[in-house]
């Protein structure tokens, strides 16, 4: 399921990132790697989602969050 569909206060694991090479590299540099745990702090509201990845809080827009597949 895409990250954009995950509700607040849920923990998921990244299974894949389906994006252009440039966006995929940018996300990897921010810690969004396959097998990494994400905690959704605030689900999709007003076009963005806030997650905790590793030790950082990151806000992603809806289109980027939709490209991150989770389980």
Protein backbone atom coordinates (compact mmCIF):
# COMPACT_ATOMS: atom_id res chain seq x y z
CA UNK A 1 0.00 0.00 0.00
CA UNK A 2 1.29 3.52 -0.69
CA UNK A 3 2.43 5.64 2.24
CA UNK A 4 -0.24 8.20 1.33
CA UNK A 5 -2.91 5.65 2.42
CA UNK A 6 -1.46 4.98 5.90
CA UNK A 7 -3.34 6.48 8.86
CA UNK A 8 -1.83 8.53 11.67
CA UNK A 9 -0.08 6.73 14.53
CA UNK A 10 0.82 3.65 12.49
CA UNK A 11 4.22 2.07 11.94
CA UNK A 12 5.03 0.59 8.54
CA UNK A 13 8.06 -0.78 6.71
CA UNK A 14 9.16 0.50 3.31
CA UNK A 15 8.89 -2.27 0.73
CA UNK A 16 9.75 -0.25 -2.39
CA UNK A 17 10.12 3.25 -3.82
CA UNK A 18 8.60 3.66 -7.27
CA UNK A 19 9.95 6.97 -8.53
CA UNK A 20 12.35 8.56 -10.97
CA UNK A 21 16.04 7.93 -10.30
CA UNK A 22 16.48 11.52 -9.09
CA UNK A 23 13.59 11.39 -6.60
CA UNK A 24 14.54 7.89 -5.47
CA UNK A 25 18.09 9.06 -4.70
CA UNK A 26 16.79 12.12 -2.83
CA UNK A 27 14.51 9.94 -0.69
CA UNK A 28 17.34 7.48 -0.02
CA UNK A 29 19.55 10.35 1.11
CA UNK A 30 16.82 11.33 3.60
CA UNK A 31 16.72 7.75 4.98
CA UNK A 32 13.80 6.28 3.01
CA UNK A 33 15.37 2.93 2.16
CA UNK A 34 13.85 -0.50 1.59
CA UNK A 35 13.25 -2.27 4.92
CA UNK A 36 13.30 0.97 6.94
CA UNK A 37 10.58 1.51 9.55
CA UNK A 38 8.43 4.64 9.29
CA UNK A 39 6.08 5.99 11.91
CA UNK A 40 3.25 8.13 10.55
CA UNK A 41 2.90 11.09 12.91
CA UNK A 42 0.19 12.83 10.91
CA UNK A 43 -1.69 11.14 8.09
CA UNK A 44 -2.46 12.79 4.78
CA UNK A 45 -4.02 16.18 5.50
CA UNK A 46 -4.01 19.28 3.36
CA UNK A 47 -1.85 17.52 0.79
CA UNK A 48 1.00 16.45 3.07
CA UNK A 49 1.97 13.67 5.47
CA UNK A 50 4.40 13.84 8.41
CA UNK A 51 6.50 10.78 9.21
CA UNK A 52 9.33 9.86 11.53
CA UNK A 53 12.10 8.13 9.60
CA UNK A 54 15.10 6.99 11.61
CA UNK A 55 15.67 9.96 13.99
CA UNK A 56 14.14 12.69 11.83
CA UNK A 57 10.67 14.08 11.20
CA UNK A 58 9.93 14.61 7.51
CA UNK A 59 6.93 16.13 5.75
CA UNK A 60 6.19 14.78 2.27
CA UNK A 61 3.67 15.97 -0.28
CA UNK A 62 0.93 13.56 -1.32
CA UNK A 63 2.42 12.70 -4.72
CA UNK A 64 5.79 11.77 -3.20
CA UNK A 65 4.15 9.77 -0.39
CA UNK A 66 2.15 7.86 -2.99
CA UNK A 67 5.41 6.62 -4.59
CA UNK A 68 6.62 4.98 -1.35
CA UNK A 69 5.20 1.46 -0.99
CA UNK A 70 4.78 0.11 2.54
CA UNK A 71 3.78 -3.07 4.28
